[in-house]
Amino acid sequence: MVEVEWGVFSLAIINFEKPMEEFDPDRGRGVRALRTAIAVRDRFGNEAMADYYGAIGNRIFDGLQDYQEDATITGALSDAGLDESVLADALADPGTWEKLLAEHTWLTSSTRSFGVPTIQVDGPDGPATFGPVISNPPDNDDDAVALWHHTAWLTRYENFSEIKRDRTVDPDLEAWRARE
């Protein structure tokens, strides 16, 4: 069995090229959704965060909704069976920004993470890796478990750094089809 503890990583923060004191959390791309994710996790647990993460991903990648829009975030909360007021609560609480910045900073400094998905195995002191990046979810549980075992093994293998190839299958996502 795999237990998941969700953390946050911000592409807006990692790509910000000025001093962090100049970063405006109210304008950072994706920050509102990440602060909401933190509020969900803190109030309802990791499973609720997984539900929210999946719901917002569906709205963005299949529904072609903008993750910057409050309607996308509140819709994802509703899809995940959560009260839409979590967004307003998250934004009213400066602690969600502080936790986002602290988690992001810890992850990038302690694991040298640079993107999403970053997976860390064996707890907060365990090794981490970027990926796997896959085009589509595995077809069945057995394939998902096999993918996890191989990913975990490579992550634990200290000598492993990178593996990459061009996409062999287009993702089955409306956002991918809309690009063309």
N, C-alpha and C. Protein backbone atom coordinates (compact mmCIF):
# COMPACT_ATOMS: atom_id res chain seq x y z
N MET A 1 0.83 -1.17 0.00
CA MET A 1 0.00 0.00 0.00
C MET A 1 0.89 1.25 0.00
N VAL A 2 0.46 2.25 -0.73
CA VAL A 2 1.19 3.50 -0.82
C VAL A 2 0.41 4.57 -0.08
N GLU A 3 1.06 5.22 0.86
CA GLU A 3 0.45 6.36 1.55
C GLU A 3 1.02 7.63 0.94
N VAL A 4 0.13 8.55 0.61
CA VAL A 4 0.54 9.78 -0.04
C VAL A 4 0.36 10.95 0.92
N GLU A 5 1.40 11.74 1.03
CA GLU A 5 1.32 13.00 1.74
C GLU A 5 1.60 14.09 0.71
N TRP A 6 0.60 14.91 0.48
CA TRP A 6 0.70 15.95 -0.53
C TRP A 6 1.45 17.16 -0.02
N GLY A 7 2.31 17.69 -0.86
CA GLY A 7 2.98 18.95 -0.61
C GLY A 7 2.78 19.84 -1.82
N VAL A 8 3.28 21.05 -1.75
CA VAL A 8 3.09 21.97 -2.86
C VAL A 8 4.43 22.46 -3.41
N PHE A 9 4.40 22.73 -4.69
CA PHE A 9 5.53 23.25 -5.44
C PHE A 9 4.94 24.30 -6.38
N SER A 10 5.54 25.47 -6.45
CA SER A 10 5.00 26.54 -7.27
C SER A 10 5.90 26.86 -8.45
N LEU A 11 5.36 26.68 -9.65
CA LEU A 11 6.11 27.09 -10.84
C LEU A 11 6.26 28.61 -10.89
N ALA A 12 5.28 29.33 -10.34
CA ALA A 12 5.38 30.80 -10.31
C ALA A 12 6.56 31.24 -9.46
N ILE A 13 6.76 30.57 -8.35
CA ILE A 13 7.88 30.93 -7.46
C ILE A 13 9.21 30.51 -8.08
N ILE A 14 9.28 29.29 -8.60
CA ILE A 14 10.55 28.80 -9.14
C ILE A 14 11.01 29.64 -10.34
N ASN A 15 10.05 30.21 -11.07
CA ASN A 15 10.39 31.01 -12.26
C ASN A 15 10.49 32.51 -11.98
N PHE A 16 10.28 32.91 -10.73
CA PHE A 16 10.34 34.32 -10.37
C PHE A 16 11.80 34.73 -10.27
N GLU A 17 12.21 35.73 -11.03
CA GLU A 17 13.63 36.07 -11.13
C GLU A 17 14.04 37.28 -10.30
N LYS A 18 13.13 37.79 -9.48
CA LYS A 18 13.44 38.94 -8.63
C LYS A 18 13.50 38.45 -7.18
N PRO A 19 13.90 39.32 -6.26
CA PRO A 19 13.87 38.92 -4.85
C PRO A 19 12.45 38.55 -4.41
N MET A 20 12.33 37.52 -3.56
CA MET A 20 11.00 37.05 -3.14
C MET A 20 10.18 38.14 -2.47
N GLU A 21 10.82 39.13 -1.88
CA GLU A 21 10.08 40.22 -1.26
C GLU A 21 9.22 40.96 -2.28
N GLU A 22 9.57 40.85 -3.56
CA GLU A 22 8.82 41.53 -4.62
C GLU A 22 7.71 40.65 -5.19
N PHE A 23 7.63 39.42 -4.78
CA PHE A 23 6.60 38.51 -5.30
C PHE A 23 5.25 38.88 -4.70
N ASP A 24 4.24 39.01 -5.54
CA ASP A 24 2.89 39.34 -5.09
C ASP A 24 2.06 38.06 -5.10
N PRO A 25 1.78 37.47 -3.93
CA PRO A 25 1.04 36.21 -3.90
C PRO A 25 -0.38 36.33 -4.46
N ASP A 26 -0.91 37.54 -4.51
CA ASP A 26 -2.25 37.72 -5.07
C ASP A 26 -2.24 37.68 -6.59
N ARG A 27 -1.06 37.79 -7.19
CA ARG A 27 -0.97 37.82 -8.65
C ARG A 27 -0.18 36.65 -9.23
N GLY A 28 0.48 35.87 -8.39
CA GLY A 28 1.28 34.76 -8.87
C GLY A 28 0.42 33.68 -9.52
N ARG A 29 0.80 33.22 -10.69
CA ARG A 29 0.01 32.22 -11.41
C ARG A 29 -0.07 30.92 -10.61
N GLY A 30 -1.28 30.51 -10.35
CA GLY A 30 -1.52 29.26 -9.64
C GLY A 30 -1.48 29.36 -8.13
N VAL A 31 -1.08 30.50 -7.61
CA VAL A 31 -0.92 30.64 -6.16
C VAL A 31 -2.25 30.50 -5.44
N ARG A 32 -3.33 31.05 -5.98
CA ARG A 32 -4.64 30.96 -5.33
C ARG A 32 -5.07 29.49 -5.22
N ALA A 33 -4.85 28.74 -6.28
CA ALA A 33 -5.22 27.32 -6.27
C ALA A 33 -4.35 26.54 -5.28
N LEU A 34 -3.06 26.88 -5.20
CA LEU A 34 -2.17 26.18 -4.27
C LEU A 34 -2.48 26.54 -2.81
N ARG A 35 -2.80 27.80 -2.56
CA ARG A 35 -3.19 28.17 -1.19
C ARG A 35 -4.47 27.44 -0.80
N THR A 36 -5.37 27.27 -1.75
CA THR A 36 -6.59 26.52 -1.49
C THR A 36 -6.26 25.07 -1.20
N ALA A 37 -5.32 24.50 -1.96
CA ALA A 37 -4.91 23.12 -1.72
C ALA A 37 -4.36 22.94 -0.31
N ILE A 38 -3.58 23.89 0.14
CA ILE A 38 -3.04 23.83 1.50
C ILE A 38 -4.17 23.87 2.52
N ALA A 39 -5.13 24.76 2.31
CA ALA A 39 -6.27 24.84 3.24
C ALA A 39 -7.06 23.53 3.24
N VAL A 40 -7.25 22.93 2.07
CA VAL A 40 -7.96 21.65 1.98
C VAL A 40 -7.21 20.59 2.77
N ARG A 41 -5.90 20.48 2.52
CA ARG A 41 -5.10 19.47 3.21
C ARG A 41 -5.11 19.68 4.72
N ASP A 42 -4.95 20.93 5.14
CA ASP A 42 -4.88 21.20 6.58
C ASP A 42 -6.22 20.95 7.28
N ARG A 43 -7.31 21.22 6.60
CA ARG A 43 -8.63 21.06 7.23
C ARG A 43 -9.20 19.66 7.07
N PHE A 44 -8.93 19.01 5.93
CA PHE A 44 -9.62 17.76 5.61
C PHE A 44 -8.70 16.58 5.35
N GLY A 45 -7.41 16.80 5.24
CA GLY A 45 -6.46 15.70 5.08
C GLY A 45 -5.98 15.48 3.66
N ASN A 46 -5.03 14.55 3.55
CA ASN A 46 -4.39 14.25 2.27
C ASN A 46 -5.35 13.69 1.23
N GLU A 47 -6.30 12.88 1.65
CA GLU A 47 -7.24 12.31 0.69
C GLU A 47 -8.10 13.39 0.05
N ALA A 48 -8.53 14.36 0.86
CA ALA A 48 -9.32 15.48 0.31
C ALA A 48 -8.47 16.32 -0.64
N MET A 49 -7.19 16.48 -0.31
CA MET A 49 -6.31 17.23 -1.21
C MET A 49 -6.16 16.49 -2.54
N ALA A 50 -6.06 15.18 -2.48
CA ALA A 50 -5.99 14.39 -3.72
C ALA A 50 -7.26 14.58 -4.55
N ASP A 51 -8.40 14.59 -3.90
CA ASP A 51 -9.67 14.79 -4.61
C ASP A 51 -9.71 16.19 -5.25
N TYR A 52 -9.29 17.19 -4.50
CA TYR A 52 -9.27 18.56 -5.03
C TYR A 52 -8.28 18.66 -6.19
N TYR A 53 -7.09 18.10 -6.03
CA TYR A 53 -6.07 18.14 -7.07
C TYR A 53 -6.59 17.50 -8.36
N GLY A 54 -7.24 16.34 -8.22
CA GLY A 54 -7.82 15.68 -9.39
C GLY A 54 -8.92 16.50 -10.02
N ALA A 55 -9.76 17.11 -9.19
CA ALA A 55 -10.88 17.90 -9.70
C ALA A 55 -10.40 19.15 -10.43
N ILE A 56 -9.40 19.82 -9.87
CA ILE A 56 -8.93 21.03 -10.55
C ILE A 56 -8.18 20.66 -11.83
N GLY A 57 -7.48 19.53 -11.80
CA GLY A 57 -6.82 19.05 -13.02
C GLY A 57 -7.82 18.75 -14.12
N ASN A 58 -8.93 18.11 -13.76
CA ASN A 58 -9.97 17.83 -14.75
C ASN A 58 -10.53 19.12 -15.34
N ARG A 59 -10.75 20.11 -14.51
CA ARG A 59 -11.30 21.39 -14.99
C ARG A 59 -10.31 22.10 -15.91
N ILE A 60 -9.03 22.01 -15.60
CA ILE A 60 -8.02 22.70 -16.40
C ILE A 60 -7.75 21.94 -17.71
N PHE A 61 -7.46 20.65 -17.59
CA PHE A 61 -6.99 19.91 -18.75
C PHE A 61 -8.08 19.31 -19.63
N ASP A 62 -9.24 19.02 -19.05
CA ASP A 62 -10.35 18.52 -19.85
C ASP A 62 -11.42 19.59 -20.06
N GLY A 63 -11.61 20.45 -19.08
CA GLY A 63 -12.64 21.48 -19.18
C GLY A 63 -12.13 22.79 -19.76
N LEU A 64 -10.82 22.87 -19.99
CA LEU A 64 -10.18 24.06 -20.56
C LEU A 64 -10.49 25.33 -19.76
N GLN A 65 -10.58 25.18 -18.45
CA GLN A 65 -10.83 26.33 -17.59
C GLN A 65 -9.50 26.90 -17.09
N ASP A 66 -9.49 28.18 -16.82
CA ASP A 66 -8.30 28.88 -16.38
C ASP A 66 -8.11 28.69 -14.87
N TYR A 67 -6.98 28.15 -14.47
CA TYR A 67 -6.74 27.90 -13.05
C TYR A 67 -6.56 29.18 -12.26
N GLN A 68 -6.48 30.31 -12.93
CA GLN A 68 -6.40 31.60 -12.25
C GLN A 68 -7.77 32.10 -11.81
N GLU A 69 -8.82 31.55 -12.39
CA GLU A 69 -10.17 32.03 -12.12
C GLU A 69 -10.73 31.39 -10.85
N ASP A 70 -11.32 32.23 -10.02
CA ASP A 70 -11.93 31.71 -8.79
C ASP A 70 -13.02 30.69 -9.09
N ALA A 71 -13.74 30.87 -10.20
CA ALA A 71 -14.81 29.92 -10.55
C ALA A 71 -14.25 28.53 -10.81
N THR A 72 -13.05 28.44 -11.35
CA THR A 72 -12.42 27.14 -11.58
C THR A 72 -12.08 26.49 -10.24
N ILE A 73 -11.54 27.28 -9.32
CA ILE A 73 -11.14 26.75 -8.02
C ILE A 73 -12.36 26.34 -7.21
N THR A 74 -13.38 27.20 -7.15
CA THR A 74 -14.58 26.85 -6.38
C THR A 74 -15.31 25.67 -7.03
N GLY A 75 -15.30 25.61 -8.34
CA GLY A 75 -15.90 24.46 -9.01
C GLY A 75 -15.19 23.17 -8.66
N ALA A 76 -13.86 23.23 -8.61
CA ALA A 76 -13.08 22.05 -8.24
C ALA A 76 -13.35 21.64 -6.80
N LEU A 77 -13.47 22.63 -5.93
CA LEU A 77 -13.82 22.32 -4.53
C LEU A 77 -15.16 21.59 -4.49
N SER A 78 -16.13 22.10 -5.20
CA SER A 78 -17.45 21.47 -5.23
C SER A 78 -17.37 20.07 -5.81
N ASP A 79 -16.62 19.91 -6.91
CA ASP A 79 -16.45 18.58 -7.52
C ASP A 79 -15.84 17.59 -6.53
N ALA A 80 -14.98 18.08 -5.66
CA ALA A 80 -14.31 17.23 -4.67
C ALA A 80 -15.15 17.02 -3.42
N GLY A 81 -16.37 17.57 -3.42
CA GLY A 81 -17.26 17.40 -2.27
C GLY A 81 -16.94 18.32 -1.12
N LEU A 82 -16.28 19.43 -1.43
CA LEU A 82 -15.86 20.38 -0.39
C LEU A 82 -16.63 21.69 -0.55
N ASP A 83 -16.73 22.43 0.52
CA ASP A 83 -17.44 23.70 0.49
C ASP A 83 -16.62 24.74 -0.28
N GLU A 84 -17.29 25.48 -1.14
CA GLU A 84 -16.61 26.48 -1.95
C GLU A 84 -15.99 27.60 -1.13
N SER A 85 -16.42 27.77 0.12
CA SER A 85 -15.88 28.83 0.98
C SER A 85 -14.42 28.58 1.36
N VAL A 86 -13.90 27.39 1.09
CA VAL A 86 -12.50 27.10 1.41
C VAL A 86 -11.57 28.06 0.67
N LEU A 87 -11.93 28.45 -0.56
CA LEU A 87 -11.10 29.40 -1.30
C LEU A 87 -10.99 30.73 -0.55
N ALA A 88 -12.11 31.31 -0.19
CA ALA A 88 -12.09 32.60 0.53
C ALA A 88 -11.35 32.46 1.85
N ASP A 89 -11.57 31.36 2.55
CA ASP A 89 -10.87 31.14 3.82
C ASP A 89 -9.36 31.06 3.60
N ALA A 90 -8.95 30.35 2.55
CA ALA A 90 -7.52 30.19 2.26
C ALA A 90 -6.88 31.53 1.95
N LEU A 91 -7.56 32.35 1.17
CA LEU A 91 -6.99 33.64 0.78
C LEU A 91 -7.01 34.65 1.93
N ALA A 92 -7.93 34.49 2.85
CA ALA A 92 -8.00 35.39 4.01
C ALA A 92 -6.96 35.03 5.07
N ASP A 93 -6.40 33.84 4.97
CA ASP A 93 -5.44 33.37 5.96
C ASP A 93 -4.02 33.52 5.42
N PRO A 94 -3.24 34.47 5.92
CA PRO A 94 -1.87 34.63 5.43
C PRO A 94 -1.01 33.39 5.67
N GLY A 95 -1.44 32.53 6.58
CA GLY A 95 -0.70 31.30 6.85
C GLY A 95 -0.63 30.37 5.65
N THR A 96 -1.63 30.43 4.77
CA THR A 96 -1.58 29.55 3.59
C THR A 96 -0.48 30.00 2.64
N TRP A 97 -0.26 31.30 2.52
CA TRP A 97 0.86 31.79 1.71
C TRP A 97 2.18 31.43 2.37
N GLU A 98 2.27 31.61 3.68
CA GLU A 98 3.51 31.29 4.39
C GLU A 98 3.85 29.80 4.25
N LYS A 99 2.83 28.94 4.36
CA LYS A 99 3.07 27.50 4.20
C LYS A 99 3.47 27.15 2.77
N LEU A 100 2.83 27.78 1.79
CA LEU A 100 3.18 27.54 0.39
C LEU A 100 4.64 27.89 0.15
N LEU A 101 5.04 29.08 0.58
CA LEU A 101 6.43 29.50 0.38
C LEU A 101 7.39 28.61 1.14
N ALA A 102 7.05 28.25 2.37
CA ALA A 102 7.94 27.40 3.18
C ALA A 102 8.07 26.00 2.58
N GLU A 103 6.96 25.39 2.17
CA GLU A 103 7.03 24.05 1.59
C GLU A 103 7.79 24.05 0.28
N HIS A 104 7.51 25.04 -0.56
CA HIS A 104 8.21 25.15 -1.84
C HIS A 104 9.72 25.31 -1.61
N THR A 105 10.08 26.21 -0.70
CA THR A 105 11.48 26.47 -0.41
C THR A 105 12.16 25.23 0.16
N TRP A 106 11.48 24.55 1.08
CA TRP A 106 12.06 23.33 1.65
C TRP A 106 12.27 22.28 0.56
N LEU A 107 11.27 22.09 -0.28
CA LEU A 107 11.37 21.06 -1.31
C LEU A 107 12.51 21.36 -2.29
N THR A 108 12.60 22.59 -2.74
CA THR A 108 13.64 22.92 -3.71
C THR A 108 15.03 22.89 -3.10
N SER A 109 15.15 23.26 -1.83
CA SER A 109 16.48 23.26 -1.22
C SER A 109 16.90 21.89 -0.72
N SER A 110 15.96 21.10 -0.22
CA SER A 110 16.35 19.80 0.35
C SER A 110 16.41 18.69 -0.68
N THR A 111 15.70 18.82 -1.78
CA THR A 111 15.68 17.74 -2.77
C THR A 111 16.16 18.19 -4.15
N ARG A 112 16.52 19.46 -4.28
CA ARG A 112 16.94 20.03 -5.56
C ARG A 112 15.83 19.92 -6.61
N SER A 113 14.58 19.94 -6.17
CA SER A 113 13.44 19.84 -7.08
C SER A 113 13.36 21.08 -7.95
N PHE A 114 12.88 20.86 -9.18
CA PHE A 114 12.78 21.97 -10.13
C PHE A 114 11.48 21.97 -10.91
N GLY A 115 10.62 21.00 -10.68
CA GLY A 115 9.38 20.95 -11.44
C GLY A 115 8.37 20.00 -10.84
N VAL A 116 7.25 19.91 -11.52
CA VAL A 116 6.18 19.01 -11.07
C VAL A 116 5.91 18.00 -12.18
N PRO A 117 5.66 16.77 -11.82
CA PRO A 117 5.54 16.26 -10.47
C PRO A 117 6.89 15.91 -9.86
N THR A 118 7.07 16.27 -8.62
CA THR A 118 8.21 15.81 -7.84
C THR A 118 7.69 14.77 -6.87
N ILE A 119 8.29 13.62 -6.89
CA ILE A 119 7.89 12.54 -5.98
C ILE A 119 9.05 12.25 -5.05
N GLN A 120 8.74 12.25 -3.76
CA GLN A 120 9.73 11.91 -2.75
C GLN A 120 9.28 10.64 -2.07
N VAL A 121 10.16 9.70 -1.94
CA VAL A 121 9.83 8.42 -1.31
C VAL A 121 10.50 8.31 0.05
N ASP A 122 9.94 7.46 0.88
CA ASP A 122 10.53 7.12 2.18
C ASP A 122 10.54 8.28 3.17
N GLY A 123 9.56 9.15 3.10
CA GLY A 123 9.43 10.22 4.09
C GLY A 123 10.21 11.46 3.73
N PRO A 124 10.20 12.43 4.65
CA PRO A 124 10.79 13.73 4.35
C PRO A 124 12.30 13.75 4.20
N ASP A 125 12.96 12.69 4.57
CA ASP A 125 14.40 12.62 4.38
C ASP A 125 14.78 11.72 3.22
N GLY A 126 13.79 11.18 2.53
CA GLY A 126 14.04 10.25 1.44
C GLY A 126 14.39 10.94 0.14
N PRO A 127 14.83 10.16 -0.83
CA PRO A 127 15.20 10.73 -2.13
C PRO A 127 13.97 11.19 -2.90
N ALA A 128 14.21 12.11 -3.82
CA ALA A 128 13.12 12.65 -4.64
C ALA A 128 13.55 12.68 -6.09
N THR A 129 12.55 12.70 -6.96
CA THR A 129 12.82 12.80 -8.39
C THR A 129 11.69 13.56 -9.06
N PHE A 130 12.00 14.14 -10.19
CA PHE A 130 11.00 14.77 -11.04
C PHE A 130 10.39 13.67 -11.91
N GLY A 131 9.08 13.54 -11.87
CA GLY A 131 8.41 12.57 -12.73
C GLY A 131 7.80 11.45 -11.92
N PRO A 132 7.27 10.47 -12.58
CA PRO A 132 7.31 10.28 -14.02
C PRO A 132 6.30 11.17 -14.73
N VAL A 133 6.67 11.58 -15.91
CA VAL A 133 5.76 12.31 -16.79
C VAL A 133 5.24 11.29 -17.78
N ILE A 134 3.94 11.04 -17.72
CA ILE A 134 3.33 10.05 -18.61
C ILE A 134 2.23 10.74 -19.41
N SER A 135 1.94 10.20 -20.57
CA SER A 135 0.93 10.82 -21.42
C SER A 135 -0.48 10.57 -20.91
N ASN A 136 -0.75 9.37 -20.46
CA ASN A 136 -2.08 9.00 -19.99
C ASN A 136 -1.96 8.08 -18.79
N PRO A 137 -2.98 8.05 -17.94
CA PRO A 137 -2.94 7.14 -16.79
C PRO A 137 -2.83 5.69 -17.24
N PRO A 138 -2.23 4.85 -16.41
CA PRO A 138 -2.17 3.42 -16.75
C PRO A 138 -3.58 2.85 -16.97
N ASP A 139 -3.65 1.80 -17.78
CA ASP A 139 -4.94 1.21 -18.14
C ASP A 139 -5.59 0.42 -17.02
N ASN A 140 -4.78 -0.03 -16.06
CA ASN A 140 -5.35 -0.85 -14.99
C ASN A 140 -4.48 -0.74 -13.74
N ASP A 141 -4.99 -1.30 -12.65
CA ASP A 141 -4.28 -1.21 -11.38
C ASP A 141 -2.92 -1.89 -11.43
N ASP A 142 -2.83 -3.03 -12.10
CA ASP A 142 -1.55 -3.74 -12.17
C ASP A 142 -0.48 -2.88 -12.85
N ASP A 143 -0.85 -2.21 -13.95
CA ASP A 143 0.11 -1.34 -14.62
C ASP A 143 0.48 -0.14 -13.74
N ALA A 144 -0.49 0.40 -13.02
CA ALA A 144 -0.22 1.53 -12.12
C ALA A 144 0.74 1.13 -11.02
N VAL A 145 0.55 -0.04 -10.45
CA VAL A 145 1.43 -0.53 -9.38
C VAL A 145 2.83 -0.78 -9.93
N ALA A 146 2.91 -1.37 -11.11
CA ALA A 146 4.22 -1.62 -11.72
C ALA A 146 4.95 -0.30 -11.98
N LEU A 147 4.24 0.69 -12.51
CA LEU A 147 4.84 2.00 -12.75
C LEU A 147 5.36 2.58 -11.43
N TRP A 148 4.56 2.48 -10.38
CA TRP A 148 4.98 3.00 -9.08
C TRP A 148 6.24 2.28 -8.59
N HIS A 149 6.27 0.95 -8.67
CA HIS A 149 7.44 0.20 -8.18
C HIS A 149 8.70 0.59 -8.95
N HIS A 150 8.59 0.74 -10.26
CA HIS A 150 9.76 1.12 -11.06
C HIS A 150 10.20 2.55 -10.75
N THR A 151 9.24 3.45 -10.60
CA THR A 151 9.57 4.84 -10.28
C THR A 151 10.23 4.92 -8.91
N ALA A 152 9.66 4.23 -7.93
CA ALA A 152 10.23 4.24 -6.58
C ALA A 152 11.64 3.65 -6.59
N TRP A 153 11.85 2.58 -7.34
CA TRP A 153 13.17 1.97 -7.39
C TRP A 153 14.18 2.94 -7.99
N LEU A 154 13.83 3.58 -9.11
CA LEU A 154 14.75 4.53 -9.72
C LEU A 154 15.02 5.71 -8.79
N THR A 155 14.01 6.16 -8.08
CA THR A 155 14.17 7.28 -7.16
C THR A 155 15.14 6.92 -6.04
N ARG A 156 15.06 5.69 -5.58
CA ARG A 156 15.95 5.24 -4.49
C ARG A 156 17.37 4.95 -4.97
N TYR A 157 17.54 4.70 -6.26
CA TYR A 157 18.85 4.37 -6.82
C TYR A 157 19.65 5.66 -6.97
N GLU A 158 20.59 5.87 -6.06
CA GLU A 158 21.29 7.15 -5.95
C GLU A 158 22.02 7.54 -7.23
N ASN A 159 22.43 6.60 -8.01
CA ASN A 159 23.19 6.88 -9.22
C ASN A 159 22.29 7.31 -10.39
N PHE A 160 20.99 7.22 -10.25
CA PHE A 160 20.06 7.57 -11.32
C PHE A 160 19.80 9.06 -11.36
N SER A 161 19.86 9.64 -12.55
CA SER A 161 19.60 11.07 -12.70
C SER A 161 18.43 11.37 -13.62
N GLU A 162 18.38 10.75 -14.80
CA GLU A 162 17.38 11.18 -15.77
C GLU A 162 17.12 10.10 -16.81
N ILE A 163 15.90 10.08 -17.28
CA ILE A 163 15.52 9.26 -18.41
C ILE A 163 14.43 10.03 -19.15
N LYS A 164 14.54 10.13 -20.46
CA LYS A 164 13.56 10.93 -21.19
C LYS A 164 13.51 10.48 -22.65
N ARG A 165 12.31 10.61 -23.22
CA ARG A 165 12.14 10.41 -24.66
C ARG A 165 10.97 11.25 -25.12
N ASP A 166 10.83 11.39 -26.42
CA ASP A 166 9.67 12.12 -26.95
C ASP A 166 8.41 11.35 -26.64
N ARG A 167 7.29 12.06 -26.61
CA ARG A 167 6.00 11.41 -26.37
C ARG A 167 5.74 10.40 -27.49
N THR A 168 5.33 9.23 -27.11
CA THR A 168 4.97 8.21 -28.10
C THR A 168 3.46 8.15 -28.28
N VAL A 169 2.73 8.72 -27.32
CA VAL A 169 1.27 8.73 -27.35
C VAL A 169 0.82 10.13 -26.93
N ASP A 170 -0.10 10.70 -27.69
CA ASP A 170 -0.64 11.99 -27.28
C ASP A 170 -1.53 11.81 -26.06
N PRO A 171 -1.47 12.75 -25.11
CA PRO A 171 -2.35 12.67 -23.94
C PRO A 171 -3.82 12.76 -24.36
N ASP A 172 -4.65 12.00 -23.69
CA ASP A 172 -6.08 12.03 -23.94
C ASP A 172 -6.70 13.14 -23.09
N LEU A 173 -6.35 14.38 -23.45
CA LEU A 173 -6.80 15.55 -22.72
C LEU A 173 -7.31 16.59 -23.71
N GLU A 174 -8.40 17.22 -23.39
CA GLU A 174 -8.94 18.26 -24.26
C GLU A 174 -7.94 19.40 -24.43
N ALA A 175 -7.20 19.74 -23.39
CA ALA A 175 -6.20 20.81 -23.48
C ALA A 175 -5.14 20.46 -24.51
N TRP A 176 -4.77 19.22 -24.63
CA TRP A 176 -3.76 18.79 -25.61
C TRP A 176 -4.33 18.94 -27.02
N ARG A 177 -5.58 18.49 -27.21
CA ARG A 177 -6.21 18.58 -28.53
C ARG A 177 -6.44 20.04 -28.93
N ALA A 178 -6.71 20.91 -27.97
CA ALA A 178 -6.99 22.32 -28.26
C ALA A 178 -5.74 23.06 -28.71
N ARG A 179 -4.56 22.52 -28.42
CA ARG A 179 -3.29 23.16 -28.80
C ARG A 179 -3.08 23.15 -30.30
N GLU A 180 -3.67 22.20 -30.96
CA GLU A 180 -3.39 22.01 -32.39
C GLU A 180 -4.16 22.97 -33.26
